[in-house]
Protein backbone atom coordinates (compact mmCIF):
# COMPACT_ATOMS: atom_id res chain seq x y z
CA MET A 1 -8.19 -22.55 29.71
CA ALA A 2 -9.53 -20.43 32.54
CA ASN A 3 -11.71 -18.11 30.44
CA LYS A 4 -13.59 -20.90 28.64
CA ASN A 5 -16.45 -20.44 31.11
CA LYS A 6 -16.68 -16.70 30.43
CA PRO A 7 -18.16 -15.14 27.32
CA GLU A 8 -15.77 -13.19 25.10
CA VAL A 9 -15.01 -9.70 26.38
CA TRP A 10 -17.34 -7.97 23.94
CA LEU A 11 -20.26 -10.01 25.31
CA ARG A 12 -19.61 -9.02 28.92
CA GLY A 13 -21.09 -5.56 28.53
CA PRO A 14 -19.77 -2.03 28.41
CA LEU A 15 -16.44 -1.24 30.02
CA GLU A 16 -16.65 1.45 32.64
CA GLY A 17 -14.91 4.66 31.70
CA ILE A 18 -14.50 3.85 28.01
CA PRO A 19 -16.47 6.09 25.60
CA PRO A 20 -19.27 4.17 23.83
CA LEU A 21 -17.77 4.51 20.34
CA LEU A 22 -14.44 3.12 21.57
CA GLN A 23 -15.87 0.09 23.38
CA PRO A 24 -15.07 -2.27 20.46
CA VAL A 25 -11.42 -1.19 20.47
CA ALA A 26 -11.13 -1.78 24.23
CA HIS A 27 -12.97 -5.10 23.97
CA ALA A 28 -10.55 -6.33 21.28
CA LEU A 29 -7.48 -5.30 23.27
CA LEU A 30 -8.74 -6.99 26.42
CA GLN A 31 -9.71 -10.12 24.48
CA ALA A 32 -6.24 -10.29 22.96
CA ARG A 33 -4.64 -9.83 26.37
CA GLU A 34 -6.69 -12.65 27.90
CA GLU A 35 -6.00 -15.03 25.03
CA ILE A 36 -2.28 -14.28 24.87
CA ASN A 37 -1.68 -14.58 28.60
CA GLU A 38 -3.60 -17.84 28.71
CA LEU A 39 -1.90 -19.21 25.60
CA MET A 40 1.58 -18.56 26.96
CA ILE A 41 1.08 -20.33 30.30
CA ASN A 42 3.82 -22.98 30.55
CA PHE A 43 5.19 -22.11 27.09
CA PRO A 44 8.78 -23.40 26.89
CA GLU A 45 11.27 -20.51 27.03
CA GLU A 46 13.59 -22.31 24.60
CA LEU A 47 10.92 -22.09 21.87
CA LEU A 48 10.33 -18.34 22.23
CA TRP A 49 12.47 -17.39 19.23
CA GLU A 50 11.86 -20.47 17.08
CA LYS A 51 10.49 -19.81 13.59
CA PRO A 52 8.58 -22.90 12.46
CA VAL A 53 8.51 -23.22 8.67
CA GLY A 54 9.72 -19.64 8.39
CA MET A 55 6.85 -18.11 10.38
CA ALA A 56 7.54 -15.30 12.81
CA SER A 57 8.58 -16.45 16.25
CA PRO A 58 6.38 -16.09 19.33
CA GLY A 59 8.95 -13.63 20.70
CA PHE A 60 8.56 -11.47 17.61
CA HIS A 61 4.78 -11.41 17.90
CA LEU A 62 4.95 -10.40 21.56
CA GLN A 63 7.46 -7.62 20.88
CA HIS A 64 5.56 -6.46 17.79
CA LEU A 65 2.21 -6.36 19.59
CA SER A 66 3.63 -4.02 22.24
CA GLY A 67 5.42 -1.85 19.72
CA VAL A 68 2.49 -1.46 17.34
CA LEU A 69 0.13 -0.46 20.14
CA ASP A 70 2.62 2.13 21.34
CA ARG A 71 3.16 3.54 17.84
CA LEU A 72 -0.46 3.64 16.70
CA PHE A 73 -1.67 5.19 19.93
CA THR A 74 1.12 7.79 19.67
CA TYR A 75 -0.12 8.74 16.20
CA ALA A 76 -3.72 8.81 17.46
CA ARG A 77 -2.65 11.40 20.06
CA GLY A 78 -1.17 13.46 17.23
CA GLY A 79 2.40 12.65 18.20
CA GLN A 80 5.37 11.42 16.23
CA LEU A 81 7.64 8.56 17.15
CA ASN A 82 10.57 9.40 19.38
CA LYS A 83 14.07 7.96 19.15
CA GLN A 84 13.30 5.15 21.62
CA GLN A 85 10.22 4.07 19.66
CA LEU A 86 12.17 4.08 16.38
CA GLU A 87 14.95 2.00 17.96
CA TYR A 88 12.38 -0.46 19.32
CA LEU A 89 10.81 -0.74 15.86
CA SER A 90 14.14 -1.51 14.20
CA ALA A 91 14.92 -4.24 16.75
CA GLU A 92 11.45 -5.80 17.05
CA SER A 93 12.28 -9.00 15.21
CA GLU A 94 15.47 -9.59 17.19
CA TYR A 95 16.03 -11.18 20.56
CA GLN A 96 16.39 -8.31 23.03
CA GLY A 97 17.36 -10.34 26.08
CA LEU A 98 13.80 -10.47 27.40
CA ASN A 99 12.25 -13.66 28.65
CA LEU A 100 8.61 -14.64 28.23
CA ALA A 101 7.54 -13.06 31.53
CA ASP A 102 9.17 -9.76 30.51
CA LEU A 103 7.50 -9.80 27.09
CA LEU A 104 4.09 -10.51 28.59
CA LYS A 105 4.58 -7.81 31.22
CA ARG A 106 5.48 -5.30 28.48
CA PHE A 107 2.43 -6.26 26.40
CA ASN A 108 0.08 -6.13 29.40
CA ARG A 109 1.46 -2.72 30.38
CA GLN A 110 0.98 -1.45 26.83
CA VAL A 111 -2.66 -2.61 26.83
CA ASP A 112 -3.16 -0.76 30.14
CA ILE A 113 -1.67 2.40 28.64
CA ALA A 114 -3.91 2.03 25.58
CA LEU A 115 -7.01 1.60 27.74
CA LYS A 116 -6.15 4.77 29.69
CA GLN A 117 -5.79 6.66 26.43
CA LEU A 118 -9.12 5.31 25.17
CA ALA A 119 -10.79 6.42 28.40
CA ALA A 120 -9.36 9.92 27.95
CA THR A 121 -10.29 10.19 24.26
CA ASN A 122 -13.06 12.62 23.46
CA GLU A 123 -15.42 11.02 20.94
CA LEU A 124 -15.70 14.38 19.16
CA THR A 125 -12.05 14.00 18.06
CA LEU A 126 -12.50 10.60 16.38
CA THR A 127 -12.73 11.98 12.85
CA GLU A 128 -9.79 14.35 13.25
CA VAL A 129 -6.96 13.73 10.81
CA ARG A 130 -3.71 12.37 12.15
CA GLY A 131 -0.46 11.92 10.21
CA VAL A 132 1.22 8.53 10.24
CA GLY A 133 4.96 8.12 9.91
CA ARG A 134 7.54 10.41 8.42
CA ALA A 135 5.41 10.81 5.29
CA GLN A 136 2.48 11.93 7.47
CA THR A 137 0.13 9.63 5.62
CA PRO A 138 -3.35 10.81 6.59
CA SER A 139 -5.54 8.74 8.86
CA THR A 140 -8.00 9.62 11.60
CA VAL A 141 -8.07 9.07 15.33
CA ILE A 142 -10.73 6.36 14.94
CA GLY A 143 -8.86 4.83 12.00
CA LEU A 144 -5.69 4.48 14.05
CA LEU A 145 -7.47 3.10 17.11
CA VAL A 146 -9.48 0.56 15.12
CA HIS A 147 -6.38 -0.48 13.20
CA ALA A 148 -4.55 -0.95 16.50
CA ALA A 149 -7.32 -3.30 17.64
CA GLU A 150 -7.53 -5.31 14.43
CA HIS A 151 -3.76 -5.53 14.08
CA THR A 152 -3.52 -6.77 17.65
CA MET A 153 -6.11 -9.45 16.97
CA ARG A 154 -4.39 -10.44 13.72
CA HIS A 155 -1.11 -11.07 15.53
CA THR A 156 -2.93 -12.78 18.38
CA GLY A 157 -4.25 -15.29 15.84
CA GLN A 158 -0.83 -15.73 14.27
CA LEU A 159 0.72 -16.24 17.71
CA LEU A 160 -1.93 -18.84 18.52
CA VAL A 161 -1.06 -20.87 15.41
CA THR A 162 2.69 -20.53 15.90
CA VAL A 163 2.55 -21.61 19.53
CA ARG A 164 0.40 -24.64 18.69
CA VAL A 165 2.78 -25.67 15.92
CA LEU A 166 5.81 -25.31 18.22
CA LYS A 167 4.22 -27.25 21.07
CA GLN A 168 3.51 -30.32 18.90
């Protein structure tokens, strides 16, 4: 693995342009991106939608990671999901005709979008309330951004296990 010689992202120092209080969120997203892209090198396309022992498929995790980042960052901006986002959510667990390269490209693009939003986020807004979903369940900007990071890392770990099981 190419990044074995590098420390984890959070140990490489502050990320330029990211507000200090949002550094951990950016570090987690970049760490997930590095690990996922490295993990999926030479992954067999025919295993992308396999569900070993009923676990979610690698394809699902990759689609879900992109979708969750998009949705949580939309809520953090104070927005609501549009029709396209709702359609994506309803089809996340299904094969959408995308190959591994497409799924990785989508995830990497979503991380880039998230990083741009983090860079533009005023730290004074972090405790502002944001509604989540149709029920407008209350959260905060920081709550949504931190959840996006931890949820991304949770699925990164699940993807790691699933891929290792499938490659046996």
